PDB file of all heavy atoms in Angstrom:
ATOM      1  N   ASP A   1    -113.708-135.819 -92.670  1.00  0.00           N
ATOM      2  CA  ASP A   1    -112.953-136.030 -91.438  1.00  0.00           C
ATOM      3  C   ASP A   1    -113.335-137.375 -90.817  1.00  0.00           C
ATOM      4  O   ASP A   1    -112.878-137.719 -89.744  1.00  0.00           O
ATOM      5  CB  ASP A   1    -113.156-134.884 -90.454  1.00  0.00           C
ATOM      6  CG  ASP A   1    -114.569-134.834 -89.888  1.00  0.00           C
ATOM      7  OD1 ASP A   1    -115.441-135.613 -90.317  1.00  0.00           O
ATOM      8  OD2 ASP A   1    -114.810-133.999 -88.991  1.00  0.00           O
ATOM      9  N   TYR A   2    -114.195-138.131 -91.488  1.00  0.00           N
ATOM     10  CA  TYR A   2    -114.661-139.465 -91.089  1.00  0.00           C
ATOM     11  C   TYR A   2    -115.491-139.472 -89.810  1.00  0.00           C
ATOM     12  O   TYR A   2    -115.933-140.521 -89.382  1.00  0.00           O
ATOM     13  CB  TYR A   2    -113.491-140.457 -90.963  1.00  0.00           C
ATOM     14  CG  TYR A   2    -112.796-140.679 -92.279  1.00  0.00           C
ATOM     15  CD1 TYR A   2    -111.600-140.011 -92.561  1.00  0.00           C
ATOM     16  CD2 TYR A   2    -113.333-141.516 -93.236  1.00  0.00           C
ATOM     17  CE1 TYR A   2    -110.963-140.202 -93.785  1.00  0.00           C
ATOM     18  CE2 TYR A   2    -112.711-141.714 -94.462  1.00  0.00           C
ATOM     19  CZ  TYR A   2    -111.524-141.048 -94.720  1.00  0.00           C
ATOM     20  OH  TYR A   2    -110.902-141.232 -95.920  1.00  0.00           O
ATOM     21  N   ASN A   3    -115.705-138.319 -89.208  1.00  0.00           N
ATOM     22  CA  ASN A   3    -116.512-138.251 -87.992  1.00  0.00           C
ATOM     23  C   ASN A   3    -117.735-137.354 -88.132  1.00  0.00           C
ATOM     24  O   ASN A   3    -118.824-137.721 -87.723  1.00  0.00           O
ATOM     25  CB  ASN A   3    -115.666-137.738 -86.810  1.00  0.00           C
ATOM     26  CG  ASN A   3    -114.608-138.724 -86.407  1.00  0.00           C
ATOM     27  OD1 ASN A   3    -114.884-139.898 -86.229  1.00  0.00           O
ATOM     28  ND2 ASN A   3    -113.382-138.245 -86.268  1.00  0.00           N
ATOM     29  N   LEU A   4    -117.531-136.176 -88.721  1.00  0.00           N
ATOM     30  CA  LEU A   4    -118.591-135.175 -88.735  1.00  0.00           C
ATOM     31  C   LEU A   4    -119.171-134.898 -90.119  1.00  0.00           C
ATOM     32  O   LEU A   4    -120.362-134.652 -90.257  1.00  0.00           O
ATOM     33  CB  LEU A   4    -118.061-133.875 -88.119  1.00  0.00           C
ATOM     34  CG  LEU A   4    -119.069-132.778 -87.861  1.00  0.00           C
ATOM     35  CD1 LEU A   4    -120.166-133.251 -86.912  1.00  0.00           C
ATOM     36  CD2 LEU A   4    -118.372-131.554 -87.276  1.00  0.00           C
ATOM     37  N   TYR A   5    -118.350-134.940 -91.158  1.00  0.00           N
ATOM     38  CA  TYR A   5    -118.848-134.540 -92.474  1.00  0.00           C
ATOM     39  C   TYR A   5    -118.127-135.279 -93.602  1.00  0.00           C
ATOM     40  O   TYR A   5    -117.051-135.839 -93.421  1.00  0.00           O
ATOM     41  CB  TYR A   5    -118.665-133.028 -92.680  1.00  0.00           C
ATOM     42  CG  TYR A   5    -117.258-132.662 -93.062  1.00  0.00           C
ATOM     43  CD1 TYR A   5    -116.929-132.420 -94.393  1.00  0.00           C
ATOM     44  CD2 TYR A   5    -116.238-132.610 -92.110  1.00  0.00           C
ATOM     45  CE1 TYR A   5    -115.622-132.106 -94.757  1.00  0.00           C
ATOM     46  CE2 TYR A   5    -114.942-132.293 -92.463  1.00  0.00           C
ATOM     47  CZ  TYR A   5    -114.643-132.048 -93.784  1.00  0.00           C
ATOM     48  OH  TYR A   5    -113.360-131.756 -94.149  1.00  0.00           O
ATOM     49  N   ALA A   6    -118.756-135.248 -94.763  1.00  0.00           N
ATOM     50  CA  ALA A   6    -118.144-135.749 -95.996  1.00  0.00           C
ATOM     51  C   ALA A   6    -118.657-134.894 -97.148  1.00  0.00           C
ATOM     52  O   ALA A   6    -119.829-134.506 -97.180  1.00  0.00           O
ATOM     53  CB  ALA A   6    -118.502-137.212 -96.239  1.00  0.00           C
ATOM     54  N   ALA A   7    -117.767-134.583 -98.071  1.00  0.00           N
ATOM     55  CA  ALA A   7    -118.131-133.828 -99.274  1.00  0.00           C
ATOM     56  C   ALA A   7    -117.858-134.715-100.487  1.00  0.00           C
ATOM     57  O   ALA A   7    -116.815-135.374-100.560  1.00  0.00           O
ATOM     58  CB  ALA A   7    -117.342-132.531 -99.373  1.00  0.00           C
ATOM     59  N   PHE A   8    -118.813-134.747-101.401  1.00  0.00           N
ATOM     60  CA  PHE A   8    -118.717-135.573-102.604  1.00  0.00           C
ATOM     61  C   PHE A   8    -118.870-134.723-103.850  1.00  0.00           C
ATOM     62  O   PHE A   8    -119.617-133.741-103.853  1.00  0.00           O
ATOM     63  CB  PHE A   8    -119.822-136.635-102.624  1.00  0.00           C
ATOM     64  CG  PHE A   8    -119.679-137.699-101.575  1.00  0.00           C
ATOM     65  CD1 PHE A   8    -120.251-137.543-100.333  1.00  0.00           C
ATOM     66  CD2 PHE A   8    -118.976-138.861-101.849  1.00  0.00           C
ATOM     67  CE1 PHE A   8    -120.128-138.525 -99.362  1.00  0.00           C
ATOM     68  CE2 PHE A   8    -118.843-139.852-100.898  1.00  0.00           C
ATOM     69  CZ  PHE A   8    -119.422-139.684 -99.646  1.00  0.00           C
ATOM     70  N   HIS A   9    -118.187-135.137-104.904  1.00  0.00           N
ATOM     71  CA  HIS A   9    -118.371-134.557-106.236  1.00  0.00           C
ATOM     72  C   HIS A   9    -118.986-135.649-107.102  1.00  0.00           C
ATOM     73  O   HIS A   9    -118.489-136.774-107.138  1.00  0.00           O
ATOM     74  CB  HIS A   9    -117.031-134.107-106.828  1.00  0.00           C
ATOM     75  CG  HIS A   9    -117.163-133.596-108.220  1.00  0.00           C
ATOM     76  ND1 HIS A   9    -116.769-134.324-109.315  1.00  0.00           N
ATOM     77  CD2 HIS A   9    -117.663-132.431-108.699  1.00  0.00           C
ATOM     78  CE1 HIS A   9    -117.020-133.618-110.403  1.00  0.00           C
ATOM     79  NE2 HIS A   9    -117.554-132.470-110.057  1.00  0.00           N
ATOM     80  N   LEU A  10    -120.078-135.326-107.754  1.00  0.00           N
ATOM     81  CA  LEU A  10    -120.781-136.265-108.632  1.00  0.00           C
ATOM     82  C   LEU A  10    -120.727-135.733-110.053  1.00  0.00           C
ATOM     83  O   LEU A  10    -121.020-134.552-110.291  1.00  0.00           O
ATOM     84  CB  LEU A  10    -122.240-136.402-108.192  1.00  0.00           C
ATOM     85  CG  LEU A  10    -123.226-137.054-109.164  1.00  0.00           C
ATOM     86  CD1 LEU A  10    -122.982-138.547-109.239  1.00  0.00           C
ATOM     87  CD2 LEU A  10    -124.654-136.767-108.749  1.00  0.00           C
ATOM     88  N   HIS A  11    -120.328-136.587-110.976  1.00  0.00           N
ATOM     89  CA  HIS A  11    -120.393-136.254-112.399  1.00  0.00           C
ATOM     90  C   HIS A  11    -121.473-137.154-112.975  1.00  0.00           C
ATOM     91  O   HIS A  11    -121.336-138.376-112.996  1.00  0.00           O
ATOM     92  CB  HIS A  11    -119.042-136.506-113.074  1.00  0.00           C
ATOM     93  CG  HIS A  11    -119.064-136.167-114.523  1.00  0.00           C
ATOM     94  ND1 HIS A  11    -119.127-137.117-115.508  1.00  0.00           N
ATOM     95  CD2 HIS A  11    -119.047-134.973-115.153  1.00  0.00           C
ATOM     96  CE1 HIS A  11    -119.144-136.527-116.677  1.00  0.00           C
ATOM     97  NE2 HIS A  11    -119.092-135.221-116.486  1.00  0.00           N
ATOM     98  N   SER A  12    -122.578-136.553-113.388  1.00  0.00           N
ATOM     99  CA  SER A  12    -123.741-137.302-113.867  1.00  0.00           C
ATOM    100  C   SER A  12    -123.947-137.076-115.356  1.00  0.00           C
ATOM    101  O   SER A  12    -123.890-135.939-115.830  1.00  0.00           O
ATOM    102  CB  SER A  12    -124.991-136.842-113.104  1.00  0.00           C
ATOM    103  OG  SER A  12    -126.145-137.469-113.610  1.00  0.00           O
ATOM    104  N   VAL A  13    -124.193-138.162-116.070  1.00  0.00           N
ATOM    105  CA  VAL A  13    -124.534-138.070-117.490  1.00  0.00           C
ATOM    106  C   VAL A  13    -125.896-138.736-117.673  1.00  0.00           C
ATOM    107  O   VAL A  13    -126.061-139.923-117.389  1.00  0.00           O
ATOM    108  CB  VAL A  13    -123.483-138.753-118.385  1.00  0.00           C
ATOM    109  CG1 VAL A  13    -123.893-138.642-119.854  1.00  0.00           C
ATOM    110  CG2 VAL A  13    -122.110-138.150-118.159  1.00  0.00           C
ATOM    111  N   ARG A  14    -126.858-137.946-118.107  1.00  0.00           N
ATOM    112  CA  ARG A  14    -128.205-138.445-118.347  1.00  0.00           C
ATOM    113  C   ARG A  14    -128.677-137.897-119.688  1.00  0.00           C
ATOM    114  O   ARG A  14    -128.640-136.689-119.909  1.00  0.00           O
ATOM    115  CB  ARG A  14    -129.145-137.996-117.240  1.00  0.00           C
ATOM    116  CG  ARG A  14    -130.538-138.540-117.415  1.00  0.00           C
ATOM    117  CD  ARG A  14    -131.419-138.197-116.243  1.00  0.00           C
ATOM    118  NE  ARG A  14    -132.703-138.863-116.388  1.00  0.00           N
ATOM    119  CZ  ARG A  14    -133.776-138.502-115.765  1.00  0.00           C
ATOM    120  NH1 ARG A  14    -133.743-137.505-114.908  1.00  0.00           N
ATOM    121  NH2 ARG A  14    -134.903-139.149-115.967  1.00  0.00           N
ATOM    122  N   ASN A  15    -129.094-138.789-120.551  1.00  0.00           N
ATOM    123  CA  ASN A  15    -129.537-138.384-121.890  1.00  0.00           C
ATOM    124  C   ASN A  15    -128.480-137.529-122.584  1.00  0.00           C
ATOM    125  O   ASN A  15    -128.778-136.499-123.165  1.00  0.00           O
ATOM    126  CB  ASN A  15    -130.868-137.634-121.830  1.00  0.00           C
ATOM    127  CG  ASN A  15    -131.972-138.462-121.249  1.00  0.00           C
ATOM    128  OD1 ASN A  15    -132.005-139.681-121.414  1.00  0.00           O
ATOM    129  ND2 ASN A  15    -132.883-137.817-120.544  1.00  0.00           N
ATOM    130  N   ARG A  16    -127.232-137.941-122.471  1.00  0.00           N
ATOM    131  CA  ARG A  16    -126.071-137.278-123.074  1.00  0.00           C
ATOM    132  C   ARG A  16    -125.816-135.870-122.542  1.00  0.00           C
ATOM    133  O   ARG A  16    -125.059-135.107-123.126  1.00  0.00           O
ATOM    134  CB  ARG A  16    -126.179-137.275-124.588  1.00  0.00           C
ATOM    135  CG  ARG A  16    -126.074-138.669-125.176  1.00  0.00           C
ATOM    136  CD  ARG A  16    -126.133-138.617-126.646  1.00  0.00           C
ATOM    137  NE  ARG A  16    -127.475-138.162-127.035  1.00  0.00           N
ATOM    138  CZ  ARG A  16    -128.074-138.477-128.151  1.00  0.00           C
ATOM    139  NH1 ARG A  16    -127.462-139.201-129.037  1.00  0.00           N
ATOM    140  NH2 ARG A  16    -129.281-138.045-128.419  1.00  0.00           N
ATOM    141  N   THR A  17    -126.471-135.511-121.421  1.00  0.00           N
ATOM    142  CA  THR A  17    -126.254-134.214-120.796  1.00  0.00           C
ATOM    143  C   THR A  17    -125.458-134.415-119.510  1.00  0.00           C
ATOM    144  O   THR A  17    -125.822-135.248-118.682  1.00  0.00           O
ATOM    145  CB  THR A  17    -127.600-133.526-120.476  1.00  0.00           C
ATOM    146  OG1 THR A  17    -128.325-133.353-121.693  1.00  0.00           O
ATOM    147  CG2 THR A  17    -127.383-132.173-119.821  1.00  0.00           C
ATOM    148  N   GLN A  18    -124.388-133.634-119.369  1.00  0.00           N
ATOM    149  CA  GLN A  18    -123.523-133.758-118.194  1.00  0.00           C
ATOM    150  C   GLN A  18    -123.895-132.713-117.142  1.00  0.00           C
ATOM    151  O   GLN A  18    -124.172-131.568-117.470  1.00  0.00           O
ATOM    152  CB  GLN A  18    -122.068-133.559-118.598  1.00  0.00           C
ATOM    153  CG  GLN A  18    -121.582-134.604-119.571  1.00  0.00           C
ATOM    154  CD  GLN A  18    -120.118-134.422-119.883  1.00  0.00           C
ATOM    155  OE1 GLN A  18    -119.334-134.047-119.027  1.00  0.00           O
ATOM    156  NE2 GLN A  18    -119.748-134.702-121.129  1.00  0.00           N
ATOM    157  N   THR A  19    -123.889-133.159-115.890  1.00  0.00           N
ATOM    158  CA  THR A  19    -124.136-132.266-114.763  1.00  0.00           C
ATOM    159  C   THR A  19    -123.100-132.558-113.692  1.00  0.00           C
ATOM    160  O   THR A  19    -122.830-133.715-113.388  1.00  0.00           O
ATOM    161  CB  THR A  19    -125.549-132.483-114.168  1.00  0.00           C
ATOM    162  OG1 THR A  19    -126.524-132.314-115.196  1.00  0.00           O
ATOM    163  CG2 THR A  19    -125.837-131.495-113.048  1.00  0.00           C
ATOM    164  N   ARG A  20    -122.528-131.492-113.132  1.00  0.00           N
ATOM    165  CA  ARG A  20    -121.620-131.625-111.993  1.00  0.00           C
ATOM    166  C   ARG A  20    -122.395-131.266-110.737  1.00  0.00           C
ATOM    167  O   ARG A  20    -123.100-130.246-110.703  1.00  0.00           O
ATOM    168  CB  ARG A  20    -120.430-130.682-112.130  1.00  0.00           C
ATOM    169  CG  ARG A  20    -119.491-131.044-113.253  1.00  0.00           C
ATOM    170  CD  ARG A  20    -118.467-129.954-113.376  1.00  0.00           C
ATOM    171  NE  ARG A  20    -119.183-128.687-113.116  1.00  0.00           N
ATOM    172  CZ  ARG A  20    -119.143-127.615-113.874  1.00  0.00           C
ATOM    173  NH1 ARG A  20    -118.385-127.541-114.862  1.00  0.00           N
ATOM    174  NH2 ARG A  20    -119.836-126.545-113.618  1.00  0.00           N
ATOM    175  N   VAL A  21    -122.246-132.083-109.702  1.00  0.00           N
ATOM    176  CA  VAL A  21    -122.937-131.848-108.436  1.00  0.00           C
ATOM    177  C   VAL A  21    -121.931-131.964-107.295  1.00  0.00           C
ATOM    178  O   VAL A  21    -121.091-132.859-107.297  1.00  0.00           O
ATOM    179  CB  VAL A  21    -124.072-132.882-108.218  1.00  0.00           C
ATOM    180  CG1 VAL A  21    -124.749-132.668-106.874  1.00  0.00           C
ATOM    181  CG2 VAL A  21    -125.088-132.825-109.346  1.00  0.00           C
ATOM    182  N   MET A  22    -122.032-131.061-106.356  1.00  0.00           N
ATOM    183  CA  MET A  22    -121.273-131.156-105.110  1.00  0.00           C
ATOM    184  C   MET A  22    -122.288-131.342-103.989  1.00  0.00           C
ATOM    185  O   MET A  22    -123.370-130.738-104.021  1.00  0.00           O
ATOM    186  CB  MET A  22    -120.464-129.879-104.852  1.00  0.00           C
ATOM    187  CG  MET A  22    -119.333-129.629-105.818  1.00  0.00           C
ATOM    188  SD  MET A  22    -118.005-130.841-105.744  1.00  0.00           S
ATOM    189  CE  MET A  22    -117.427-130.650-104.069  1.00  0.00           C
ATOM    190  N   ALA A  23    -121.937-132.188-103.029  1.00  0.00           N
ATOM    191  CA  ALA A  23    -122.836-132.424-101.899  1.00  0.00           C
ATOM    192  C   ALA A  23    -122.031-132.472-100.613  1.00  0.00           C
ATOM    193  O   ALA A  23    -120.957-133.058-100.569  1.00  0.00           O
ATOM    194  CB  ALA A  23    -123.597-133.725-102.093  1.00  0.00           C
ATOM    195  N   LEU A  24    -122.566-131.847 -99.590  1.00  0.00           N
ATOM    196  CA  LEU A  24    -121.971-131.845 -98.260  1.00  0.00           C
ATOM    197  C   LEU A  24    -122.945-132.536 -97.322  1.00  0.00           C
ATOM    198  O   LEU A  24    -124.111-132.135 -97.225  1.00  0.00           O
ATOM    199  CB  LEU A  24    -121.727-130.407 -97.794  1.00  0.00           C
ATOM    200  CG  LEU A  24    -121.236-130.231 -96.356  1.00  0.00           C
ATOM    201  CD1 LEU A  24    -119.837-130.827 -96.195  1.00  0.00           C
ATOM    202  CD2 LEU A  24    -121.242-128.750 -95.990  1.00  0.00           C
TER     203      LEU A  24
END
């Protein structure tokens, strides 16, 4: 909402292993 919160989705690849992360 550009004032109070932001939610992000992260797609991470480390050592050929994929991880999905959500952050608020």
